Amino acid sequence: MVIPVYRPKPGQDEARLTLTKDHVPRLRRLGLATDRPALACRAADGSIVEMFEWHPGAAAAAHDHPEVLAMWARYEQACDDATLGSLAEAAALFPHFTPIDL
């Protein structure tokens, strides 16, 4: 399981949301992500938190896949990577997030 966190750049919230809804289905279509249910939610600061499962070895393979690299380039235009620890929610014993329908 992996938990990426993306902080939308100013004016890019809708673009980031569109990417979120396409992200795991695209990885699945490419044979990189498993069928385990994925989750996405929004933190109080607008960051988007995802949780999904890679197939074994797929995370490394993704770095050489042209379609994934193109998708990641769109991510770079719409958001910055962040860490779970950078979210205010990370300090809470039971952090709460707003769900995003995928």
PDB file of N, CA and C in Angstrom:
ATOM      1  N   MET A   1       0.860  -1.183   0.000  1.00  0.00           N
ATOM      2  CA  MET A   1       0.000   0.000   0.000  1.00  0.00           C
ATOM      3  C   MET A   1       0.898   1.236   0.000  1.00  0.00           C
ATOM      4  N   VAL A   2       0.424   2.236  -0.685  1.00  0.00           N
ATOM      5  CA  VAL A   2       1.138   3.509  -0.746  1.00  0.00           C
ATOM      6  C   VAL A   2       0.147   4.620  -0.433  1.00  0.00           C
ATOM      7  N   ILE A   3       0.638   5.671   0.207  1.00  0.00           N
ATOM      8  CA  ILE A   3      -0.221   6.798   0.569  1.00  0.00           C
ATOM      9  C   ILE A   3       0.435   8.093   0.068  1.00  0.00           C
ATOM     10  N   PRO A   4       0.201   8.444  -1.198  1.00  0.00           N
ATOM     11  CA  PRO A   4       0.732   9.713  -1.686  1.00  0.00           C
ATOM     12  C   PRO A   4      -0.138  10.891  -1.229  1.00  0.00           C
ATOM     13  N   VAL A   5       0.510  12.028  -1.068  1.00  0.00           N
ATOM     14  CA  VAL A   5      -0.175  13.259  -0.679  1.00  0.00           C
ATOM     15  C   VAL A   5       0.201  14.323  -1.705  1.00  0.00           C
ATOM     16  N   TYR A   6      -0.810  14.999  -2.231  1.00  0.00           N
ATOM     17  CA  TYR A   6      -0.606  16.027  -3.248  1.00  0.00           C
ATOM     18  C   TYR A   6      -1.248  17.330  -2.802  1.00  0.00           C
ATOM     19  N   ARG A   7      -0.472  18.396  -2.844  1.00  0.00           N
ATOM     20  CA  ARG A   7      -0.980  19.719  -2.489  1.00  0.00           C
ATOM     21  C   ARG A   7      -1.226  20.493  -3.784  1.00  0.00           C
ATOM     22  N   PRO A   8      -2.480  20.762  -4.135  1.00  0.00           N
ATOM     23  CA  PRO A   8      -2.766  21.465  -5.388  1.00  0.00           C
ATOM     24  C   PRO A   8      -2.109  22.845  -5.431  1.00  0.00           C
ATOM     25  N   LYS A   9      -1.590  23.185  -6.590  1.00  0.00           N
ATOM     26  CA  LYS A   9      -1.044  24.521  -6.792  1.00  0.00           C
ATOM     27  C   LYS A   9      -2.212  25.484  -6.945  1.00  0.00           C
ATOM     28  N   PRO A  10      -1.978  26.778  -6.705  1.00  0.00           N
ATOM     29  CA  PRO A  10      -3.062  27.759  -6.822  1.00  0.00           C
ATOM     30  C   PRO A  10      -3.775  27.654  -8.164  1.00  0.00           C
ATOM     31  N   GLY A  11      -5.106  27.597  -8.102  1.00  0.00           N
ATOM     32  CA  GLY A  11      -5.924  27.533  -9.298  1.00  0.00           C
ATOM     33  C   GLY A  11      -5.964  26.167  -9.964  1.00  0.00           C
ATOM     34  N   GLN A  12      -5.365  25.153  -9.352  1.00  0.00           N
ATOM     35  CA  GLN A  12      -5.272  23.832  -9.967  1.00  0.00           C
ATOM     36  C   GLN A  12      -6.084  22.766  -9.237  1.00  0.00           C
ATOM     37  N   ASP A  13      -6.969  23.162  -8.337  1.00  0.00           N
ATOM     38  CA  ASP A  13      -7.708  22.172  -7.556  1.00  0.00           C
ATOM     39  C   ASP A  13      -8.548  21.247  -8.429  1.00  0.00           C
ATOM     40  N   GLU A  14      -9.247  21.799  -9.412  1.00  0.00           N
ATOM     41  CA  GLU A  14     -10.082  20.959 -10.283  1.00  0.00           C
ATOM     42  C   GLU A  14      -9.236  20.020 -11.138  1.00  0.00           C
ATOM     43  N   ALA A  15      -8.100  20.517 -11.631  1.00  0.00           N
ATOM     44  CA  ALA A  15      -7.203  19.663 -12.427  1.00  0.00           C
ATOM     45  C   ALA A  15      -6.694  18.516 -11.574  1.00  0.00           C
ATOM     46  N   ARG A  16      -6.354  18.806 -10.333  1.00  0.00           N
ATOM     47  CA  ARG A  16      -5.851  17.768  -9.433  1.00  0.00           C
ATOM     48  C   ARG A  16      -6.949  16.764  -9.122  1.00  0.00           C
ATOM     49  N   LEU A  17      -8.163  17.225  -8.938  1.00  0.00           N
ATOM     50  CA  LEU A  17      -9.279  16.324  -8.672  1.00  0.00           C
ATOM     51  C   LEU A  17      -9.521  15.396  -9.861  1.00  0.00           C
ATOM     52  N   THR A  18      -9.439  15.933 -11.068  1.00  0.00           N
ATOM     53  CA  THR A  18      -9.589  15.122 -12.277  1.00  0.00           C
ATOM     54  C   THR A  18      -8.487  14.066 -12.341  1.00  0.00           C
ATOM     55  N   LEU A  19      -7.262  14.452 -12.038  1.00  0.00           N
ATOM     56  CA  LEU A  19      -6.153  13.495 -12.023  1.00  0.00           C
ATOM     57  C   LEU A  19      -6.386  12.408 -10.976  1.00  0.00           C
ATOM     58  N   THR A  20      -6.889  12.791  -9.823  1.00  0.00           N
ATOM     59  CA  THR A  20      -7.146  11.826  -8.747  1.00  0.00           C
ATOM     60  C   THR A  20      -8.130  10.766  -9.206  1.00  0.00           C
ATOM     61  N   LYS A  21      -9.183  11.190  -9.879  1.00  0.00           N
ATOM     62  CA  LYS A  21     -10.215  10.238 -10.306  1.00  0.00           C
ATOM     63  C   LYS A  21      -9.719   9.310 -11.418  1.00  0.00           C
ATOM     64  N   ASP A  22      -8.701   9.730 -12.155  1.00  0.00           N
ATOM     65  CA  ASP A  22      -8.161   8.923 -13.253  1.00  0.00           C
ATOM     66  C   ASP A  22      -6.939   8.094 -12.843  1.00  0.00           C
ATOM     67  N   HIS A  23      -6.275   8.489 -11.775  1.00  0.00           N
ATOM     68  CA  HIS A  23      -4.982   7.933 -11.385  1.00  0.00           C
ATOM     69  C   HIS A  23      -4.972   6.416 -11.243  1.00  0.00           C
ATOM     70  N   VAL A  24      -5.682   5.894 -10.261  1.00  0.00           N
ATOM     71  CA  VAL A  24      -5.642   4.453  -9.996  1.00  0.00           C
ATOM     72  C   VAL A  24      -6.295   3.649 -11.123  1.00  0.00           C
ATOM     73  N   PRO A  25      -7.431   4.077 -11.692  1.00  0.00           N
ATOM     74  CA  PRO A  25      -7.961   3.315 -12.827  1.00  0.00           C
ATOM     75  C   PRO A  25      -6.948   3.187 -13.970  1.00  0.00           C
ATOM     76  N   ARG A  26      -6.198   4.243 -14.225  1.00  0.00           N
ATOM     77  CA  ARG A  26      -5.181   4.183 -15.277  1.00  0.00           C
ATOM     78  C   ARG A  26      -4.069   3.203 -14.893  1.00  0.00           C
ATOM     79  N   LEU A  27      -3.616   3.275 -13.640  1.00  0.00           N
ATOM     80  CA  LEU A  27      -2.585   2.340 -13.190  1.00  0.00           C
ATOM     81  C   LEU A  27      -3.075   0.893 -13.279  1.00  0.00           C
ATOM     82  N   ARG A  28      -4.338   0.680 -12.968  1.00  0.00           N
ATOM     83  CA  ARG A  28      -4.907  -0.674 -13.082  1.00  0.00           C
ATOM     84  C   ARG A  28      -4.943  -1.123 -14.542  1.00  0.00           C
ATOM     85  N   ARG A  29      -5.374  -0.235 -15.417  1.00  0.00           N
ATOM     86  CA  ARG A  29      -5.444  -0.569 -16.840  1.00  0.00           C
ATOM     87  C   ARG A  29      -4.069  -0.947 -17.382  1.00  0.00           C
ATOM     88  N   LEU A  30      -3.034  -0.325 -16.826  1.00  0.00           N
ATOM     89  CA  LEU A  30      -1.663  -0.603 -17.249  1.00  0.00           C
ATOM     90  C   LEU A  30      -1.061  -1.811 -16.527  1.00  0.00           C
ATOM     91  N   GLY A  31      -1.853  -2.420 -15.631  1.00  0.00           N
ATOM     92  CA  GLY A  31      -1.378  -3.589 -14.900  1.00  0.00           C
ATOM     93  C   GLY A  31      -0.434  -3.266 -13.760  1.00  0.00           C
ATOM     94  N   LEU A  32      -0.474  -2.032 -13.259  1.00  0.00           N
ATOM     95  CA  LEU A  32       0.461  -1.602 -12.221  1.00  0.00           C
ATOM     96  C   LEU A  32      -0.148  -1.574 -10.820  1.00  0.00           C
ATOM     97  N   ALA A  33      -1.444  -1.319 -10.718  1.00  0.00           N
ATOM     98  CA  ALA A  33      -2.122  -1.264  -9.420  1.00  0.00           C
ATOM     99  C   ALA A  33      -3.077  -2.448  -9.296  1.00  0.00           C
ATOM    100  N   THR A  34      -3.244  -2.915  -8.076  1.00  0.00           N
ATOM    101  CA  THR A  34      -4.138  -4.044  -7.827  1.00  0.00           C
ATOM    102  C   THR A  34      -5.595  -3.588  -7.838  1.00  0.00           C
ATOM    103  N   ASP A  35      -6.491  -4.547  -7.734  1.00  0.00           N
ATOM    104  CA  ASP A  35      -7.922  -4.250  -7.675  1.00  0.00           C
ATOM    105  C   ASP A  35      -8.404  -3.951  -6.262  1.00  0.00           C
ATOM    106  N   ARG A  36      -7.502  -3.956  -5.296  1.00  0.00           N
ATOM    107  CA  ARG A  36      -7.909  -3.600  -3.933  1.00  0.00           C
ATOM    108  C   ARG A  36      -8.518  -2.197  -3.973  1.00  0.00           C
ATOM    109  N   PRO A  37      -9.631  -1.977  -3.288  1.00  0.00           N
ATOM    110  CA  PRO A  37     -10.268  -0.655  -3.340  1.00  0.00           C
ATOM    111  C   PRO A  37      -9.306   0.474  -2.952  1.00  0.00           C
ATOM    112  N   ALA A  38      -9.300   1.510  -3.758  1.00  0.00           N
ATOM    113  CA  ALA A  38      -8.476   2.688  -3.494  1.00  0.00           C
ATOM    114  C   ALA A  38      -9.322   3.718  -2.762  1.00  0.00           C
ATOM    115  N   LEU A  39      -8.664   4.568  -2.022  1.00  0.00           N
ATOM    116  CA  LEU A  39      -9.331   5.646  -1.294  1.00  0.00           C
ATOM    117  C   LEU A  39      -8.680   6.972  -1.657  1.00  0.00           C
ATOM    118  N   ALA A  40      -9.457   8.025  -1.619  1.00  0.00           N
ATOM    119  CA  ALA A  40      -8.936   9.375  -1.781  1.00  0.00           C
ATOM    120  C   ALA A  40      -9.736  10.290  -0.865  1.00  0.00           C
ATOM    121  N   CYS A  41      -9.045  11.257  -0.293  1.00  0.00           N
ATOM    122  CA  CYS A  41      -9.721  12.197   0.601  1.00  0.00           C
ATOM    123  C   CYS A  41      -8.978  13.522   0.575  1.00  0.00           C
ATOM    124  N   ARG A  42      -9.639  14.526   1.124  1.00  0.00           N
ATOM    125  CA  ARG A  42      -9.079  15.873   1.158  1.00  0.00           C
ATOM    126  C   ARG A  42      -8.778  16.258   2.601  1.00  0.00           C
ATOM    127  N   ALA A  43      -7.591  16.822   2.800  1.00  0.00           N
ATOM    128  CA  ALA A  43      -7.199  17.341   4.107  1.00  0.00           C
ATOM    129  C   ALA A  43      -7.747  18.763   4.258  1.00  0.00           C
ATOM    130  N   ALA A  44      -7.689  19.292   5.462  1.00  0.00           N
ATOM    131  CA  ALA A  44      -8.216  20.630   5.725  1.00  0.00           C
ATOM    132  C   ALA A  44      -7.531  21.706   4.887  1.00  0.00           C
ATOM    133  N   ASP A  45      -6.253  21.511   4.549  1.00  0.00           N
ATOM    134  CA  ASP A  45      -5.536  22.518   3.757  1.00  0.00           C
ATOM    135  C   ASP A  45      -5.740  22.349   2.248  1.00  0.00           C
ATOM    136  N   GLY A  46      -6.609  21.396   1.844  1.00  0.00           N
ATOM    137  CA  GLY A  46      -6.886  21.164   0.438  1.00  0.00           C
ATOM    138  C   GLY A  46      -6.040  20.072  -0.193  1.00  0.00           C
ATOM    139  N   SER A  47      -5.052  19.581   0.538  1.00  0.00           N
ATOM    140  CA  SER A  47      -4.224  18.488   0.011  1.00  0.00           C
ATOM    141  C   SER A  47      -5.083  17.254  -0.220  1.00  0.00           C
ATOM    142  N   ILE A  48      -4.702  16.480  -1.210  1.00  0.00           N
ATOM    143  CA  ILE A  48      -5.408  15.243  -1.505  1.00  0.00           C
ATOM    144  C   ILE A  48      -4.528  14.080  -1.083  1.00  0.00           C
ATOM    145  N   VAL A  49      -5.128  13.165  -0.337  1.00  0.00           N
ATOM    146  CA  VAL A  49      -4.449  11.977   0.157  1.00  0.00           C
ATOM    147  C   VAL A  49      -5.069  10.777  -0.544  1.00  0.00           C
ATOM    148  N   GLU A  50      -4.225   9.937  -1.109  1.00  0.00           N
ATOM    149  CA  GLU A  50      -4.702   8.724  -1.762  1.00  0.00           C
ATOM    150  C   GLU A  50      -4.145   7.510  -1.025  1.00  0.00           C
ATOM    151  N   MET A  51      -4.783   6.377  -1.203  1.00  0.00           N
ATOM    152  CA  MET A  51      -4.252   5.114  -0.715  1.00  0.00           C
ATOM    153  C   MET A  51      -4.613   4.053  -1.736  1.00  0.00           C
ATOM    154  N   PHE A  52      -3.578   3.384  -2.255  1.00  0.00           N
ATOM    155  CA  PHE A  52      -3.810   2.304  -3.212  1.00  0.00           C
ATOM    156  C   PHE A  52      -2.661   1.316  -3.106  1.00  0.00           C
ATOM    157  N   GLU A  53      -2.821   0.192  -3.800  1.00  0.00           N
ATOM    158  CA  GLU A  53      -1.815  -0.862  -3.731  1.00  0.00           C
ATOM    159  C   GLU A  53      -1.193  -1.102  -5.107  1.00  0.00           C
ATOM    160  N   TRP A  54       0.133  -1.063  -5.152  1.00  0.00           N
ATOM    161  CA  TRP A  54       0.872  -1.433  -6.352  1.00  0.00           C
ATOM    162  C   TRP A  54       0.951  -2.950  -6.444  1.00  0.00           C
ATOM    163  N   HIS A  55       1.027  -3.478  -7.663  1.00  0.00           N
ATOM    164  CA  HIS A  55       1.429  -4.876  -7.844  1.00  0.00           C
ATOM    165  C   HIS A  55       2.907  -4.958  -7.469  1.00  0.00           C
ATOM    166  N   PRO A  56       3.391  -6.115  -7.021  1.00  0.00           N
ATOM    167  CA  PRO A  56       4.815  -6.238  -6.690  1.00  0.00           C
ATOM    168  C   PRO A  56       5.708  -5.794  -7.856  1.00  0.00           C
ATOM    169  N   GLY A  57       6.645  -4.905  -7.560  1.00  0.00           N
ATOM    170  CA  GLY A  57       7.583  -4.401  -8.562  1.00  0.00           C
ATOM    171  C   GLY A  57       7.039  -3.313  -9.459  1.00  0.00           C
ATOM    172  N   ALA A  58       5.747  -3.028  -9.370  1.00  0.00           N
ATOM    173  CA  ALA A  58       5.124  -2.069 -10.287  1.00  0.00           C
ATOM    174  C   ALA A  58       5.535  -0.622 -10.014  1.00  0.00           C
ATOM    175  N   ALA A  59       5.799  -0.272  -8.777  1.00  0.00           N
ATOM    176  CA  ALA A  59       6.197   1.111  -8.477  1.00  0.00           C
ATOM    177  C   ALA A  59       7.491   1.448  -9.217  1.00  0.00           C
ATOM    178  N   ALA A  60       8.433   0.526  -9.219  1.00  0.00           N
ATOM    179  CA  ALA A  60       9.691   0.751  -9.937  1.00  0.00           C
ATOM    180  C   ALA A  60       9.448   0.755 -11.447  1.00  0.00           C
ATOM    181  N   ALA A  61       8.625  -0.174 -11.929  1.00  0.00           N
ATOM    182  CA  ALA A  61       8.343  -0.259 -13.361  1.00  0.00           C
ATOM    183  C   ALA A  61       7.647   1.002 -13.868  1.00  0.00           C
ATOM    184  N   ALA A  62       6.849   1.633 -13.018  1.00  0.00           N
ATOM    185  CA  ALA A  62       6.117   2.834 -13.420  1.00  0.00           C
ATOM    186  C   ALA A  62       7.060   3.951 -13.846  1.00  0.00           C
ATOM    187  N   HIS A  63       8.257   3.990 -13.269  1.00  0.00           N
ATOM    188  CA  HIS A  63       9.217   5.046 -13.589  1.00  0.00           C
ATOM    189  C   HIS A  63       9.776   4.942 -15.007  1.00  0.00           C
ATOM    190  N   ASP A  64       9.497   3.840 -15.687  1.00  0.00           N
ATOM    191  CA  ASP A  64       9.951   3.654 -17.066  1.00  0.00           C
ATOM    192  C   ASP A  64       8.793   3.591 -18.060  1.00  0.00           C
ATOM    193  N   HIS A  65       7.567   3.755 -17.572  1.00  0.00           N
ATOM    194  CA  HIS A  65       6.401   3.619 -18.444  1.00  0.00           C
ATOM    195  C   HIS A  65       6.021   4.980 -19.018  1.00  0.00           C
ATOM    196  N   PRO A  66       6.033   5.125 -20.361  1.00  0.00           N
ATOM    197  CA  PRO A  66       5.761   6.437 -20.961  1.00  0.00           C
ATOM    198  C   PRO A  66       4.416   7.037 -20.582  1.00  0.00           C
ATOM    199  N   GLU A  67       3.372   6.221 -20.467  1.00  0.00           N
ATOM    200  CA  GLU A  67       2.051   6.759 -20.121  1.00  0.00           C
ATOM    201  C   GLU A  67       2.026   7.256 -18.676  1.00  0.00           C
ATOM    202  N   VAL A  68       2.697   6.542 -17.796  1.00  0.00           N
ATOM    203  CA  VAL A  68       2.777   6.974 -16.393  1.00  0.00           C
ATOM    204  C   VAL A  68       3.605   8.251 -16.292  1.00  0.00           C
ATOM    205  N   LEU A  69       4.710   8.304 -17.011  1.00  0.00           N
ATOM    206  CA  LEU A  69       5.544   9.508 -16.978  1.00  0.00           C
ATOM    207  C   LEU A  69       4.777  10.727 -17.493  1.00  0.00           C
ATOM    208  N   ALA A  70       3.956  10.544 -18.513  1.00  0.00           N
ATOM    209  CA  ALA A  70       3.136  11.650 -19.022  1.00  0.00           C
ATOM    210  C   ALA A  70       2.105  12.081 -17.980  1.00  0.00           C
ATOM    211  N   MET A  71       1.514  11.098 -17.287  1.00  0.00           N
ATOM    212  CA  MET A  71       0.543  11.414 -16.238  1.00  0.00           C
ATOM    213  C   MET A  71       1.239  12.170 -15.112  1.00  0.00           C
ATOM    214  N   TRP A  72       2.418  11.717 -14.720  1.00  0.00           N
ATOM    215  CA  TRP A  72       3.150  12.395 -13.651  1.00  0.00           C
ATOM    216  C   TRP A  72       3.535  13.813 -14.044  1.00  0.00           C
ATOM    217  N   ALA A  73       3.794  14.053 -15.322  1.00  0.00           N
ATOM    218  CA  ALA A  73       4.091  15.419 -15.784  1.00  0.00           C
ATOM    219  C   ALA A  73       2.879  16.320 -15.572  1.00  0.00           C
ATOM    220  N   ARG A  74       1.674  15.780 -15.802  1.00  0.00           N
ATOM    221  CA  ARG A  74       0.455  16.564 -15.539  1.00  0.00           C
ATOM    222  C   ARG A  74       0.310  16.836 -14.037  1.00  0.00           C
ATOM    223  N   TYR A  75       0.693  15.869 -13.217  1.00  0.00           N
ATOM    224  CA  TYR A  75       0.677  16.077 -11.767  1.00  0.00           C
ATOM    225  C   TYR A  75       1.583  17.242 -11.388  1.00  0.00           C
ATOM    226  N   GLU A  76       2.776  17.296 -11.968  1.00  0.00           N
ATOM    227  CA  GLU A  76       3.731  18.361 -11.639  1.00  0.00           C
ATOM    228  C   GLU A  76       3.170  19.736 -11.972  1.00  0.00           C
ATOM    229  N   GLN A  77       2.326  19.817 -12.993  1.00  0.00           N
ATOM    230  CA  GLN A  77       1.708  21.094 -13.355  1.00  0.00           C
ATOM    231  C   GLN A  77       0.602  21.477 -12.375  1.00  0.00           C
ATOM    232  N   ALA A  78      -0.065  20.473 -11.794  1.00  0.00           N
ATOM    233  CA  ALA A  78      -1.250  20.725 -10.971  1.00  0.00           C
ATOM    234  C   ALA A  78      -0.995  20.730  -9.467  1.00  0.00           C
ATOM    235  N   CYS A  79       0.097  20.110  -9.030  1.00  0.00           N
ATOM    236  CA  CYS A  79       0.279  19.990  -7.584  1.00  0.00           C
ATOM    237  C   CYS A  79       1.736  19.739  -7.219  1.00  0.00           C
ATOM    238  N   ASP A  80       1.993  19.849  -5.930  1.00  0.00           N
ATOM    239  CA  ASP A  80       3.296  19.514  -5.364  1.00  0.00           C
ATOM    240  C   ASP A  80       3.135  18.287  -4.480  1.00  0.00           C
ATOM    241  N   ASP A  81       4.149  17.442  -4.456  1.00  0.00           N
ATOM    242  CA  ASP A  81       4.130  16.296  -3.553  1.00  0.00           C
ATOM    243  C   ASP A  81       4.271  16.799  -2.119  1.00  0.00           C
ATOM    244  N   ALA A  82       3.659  16.109  -1.208  1.00  0.00           N
ATOM    245  CA  ALA A  82       3.762  16.441   0.211  1.00  0.00           C
ATOM    246  C   ALA A  82       3.855  15.126   0.981  1.00  0.00           C
ATOM    247  N   THR A  83       4.066  15.224   2.267  1.00  0.00           N
ATOM    248  CA  THR A  83       4.129  14.040   3.117  1.00  0.00           C
ATOM    249  C   THR A  83       2.936  14.020   4.062  1.00  0.00           C
ATOM    250  N   LEU A  84       2.610  12.837   4.539  1.00  0.00           N
ATOM    251  CA  LEU A  84       1.549  12.743   5.545  1.00  0.00           C
ATOM    252  C   LEU A  84       1.886  13.606   6.757  1.00  0.00           C
ATOM    253  N   GLY A  85       3.149  13.602   7.142  1.00  0.00           N
ATOM    254  CA  GLY A  85       3.571  14.371   8.308  1.00  0.00           C
ATOM    255  C   GLY A  85       3.416  15.867   8.159  1.00  0.00           C
ATOM    256  N   SER A  86       3.310  16.357   6.926  1.00  0.00           N
ATOM    257  CA  SER A  86       3.152  17.797   6.712  1.00  0.00           C
ATOM    258  C   SER A  86       1.708  18.261   6.911  1.00  0.00           C
ATOM    259  N   LEU A  87       0.790  17.314   7.030  1.00  0.00           N
ATOM    260  CA  LEU A  87      -0.615  17.650   7.212  1.00  0.00           C
ATOM    261  C   LEU A  87      -0.919  17.879   8.686  1.00  0.00           C
ATOM    262  N   ALA A  88      -1.726  18.886   8.985  1.00  0.00           N
ATOM    263  CA  ALA A  88      -2.124  19.143  10.373  1.00  0.00           C
ATOM    264  C   ALA A  88      -2.791  17.911  10.975  1.00  0.00           C
ATOM    265  N   GLU A  89      -3.518  17.166  10.154  1.00  0.00           N
ATOM    266  CA  GLU A  89      -4.224  15.975  10.628  1.00  0.00           C
ATOM    267  C   GLU A  89      -3.260  14.920  11.183  1.00  0.00           C
ATOM    268  N   ALA A  90      -2.011  14.931  10.738  1.00  0.00           N
ATOM    269  CA  ALA A  90      -1.048  13.922  11.175  1.00  0.00           C
ATOM    270  C   ALA A  90      -0.772  13.982  12.672  1.00  0.00           C
ATOM    271  N   ALA A  91      -1.045  15.118  13.288  1.00  0.00           N
ATOM    272  CA  ALA A  91      -0.812  15.259  14.724  1.00  0.00           C
ATOM    273  C   ALA A  91      -1.968  14.711  15.560  1.00  0.00           C
ATOM    274  N   ALA A  92      -3.074  14.414  14.930  1.00  0.00           N
ATOM    275  CA  ALA A  92      -4.262  13.937  15.647  1.00  0.00           C
ATOM    276  C   ALA A  92      -4.194  12.427  15.854  1.00  0.00           C
ATOM    277  N   LEU A  93      -4.711  11.978  16.982  1.00  0.00           N
ATOM    278  CA  LEU A  93      -4.772  10.555  17.264  1.00  0.00           C
ATOM    279  C   LEU A  93      -5.677   9.844  16.259  1.00  0.00           C
ATOM    280  N   PHE A  94      -6.813  10.452  15.948  1.00  0.00           N
ATOM    281  CA  PHE A  94      -7.748   9.919  14.953  1.00  0.00           C
ATOM    282  C   PHE A  94      -8.018  11.015  13.925  1.00  0.00           C
ATOM    283  N   PRO A  95      -7.140  11.163  12.931  1.00  0.00           N
ATOM    284  CA  PRO A  95      -7.318  12.245  11.962  1.00  0.00           C
ATOM    285  C   PRO A  95      -8.550  12.039  11.088  1.00  0.00           C
ATOM    286  N   HIS A  96      -9.202  13.125  10.772  1.00  0.00           N
ATOM    287  CA  HIS A  96     -10.394  13.094   9.927  1.00  0.00           C
ATOM    288  C   HIS A  96     -10.103  13.797   8.616  1.00  0.00           C
ATOM    289  N   PHE A  97     -10.631  13.229   7.513  1.00  0.00           N
ATOM    290  CA  PHE A  97     -10.484  13.773   6.188  1.00  0.00           C
ATOM    291  C   PHE A  97     -11.842  13.772   5.505  1.00  0.00           C
ATOM    292  N   THR A  98     -11.974  14.559   4.455  1.00  0.00           N
ATOM    293  CA  THR A  98     -13.213  14.590   3.674  1.00  0.00           C
ATOM    294  C   THR A  98     -13.062  13.617   2.516  1.00  0.00           C
ATOM    295  N   PRO A  99     -13.955  12.613   2.406  1.00  0.00           N
ATOM    296  CA  PRO A  99     -13.823  11.634   1.327  1.00  0.00           C
ATOM    297  C   PRO A  99     -14.050  12.242  -0.055  1.00  0.00           C
ATOM    298  N   ILE A 100     -13.382  11.674  -1.037  1.00  0.00           N
ATOM    299  CA  ILE A 100     -13.562  12.036  -2.441  1.00  0.00           C
ATOM    300  C   ILE A 100     -14.107  10.800  -3.144  1.00  0.00           C
ATOM    301  N   ASP A 101     -15.220  10.955  -3.835  1.00  0.00           N
ATOM    302  CA  ASP A 101     -15.791   9.837  -4.582  1.00  0.00           C
ATOM    303  C   ASP A 101     -14.936   9.585  -5.814  1.00  0.00           C
ATOM    304  N   LEU A 102     -14.487   8.346  -5.942  1.00  0.00           N
ATOM    305  CA  LEU A 102     -13.653   7.983  -7.100  1.00  0.00           C
ATOM    306  C   LEU A 102     -14.470   7.398  -8.196  1.00  0.00           C
TER     307      LEU A 102
END
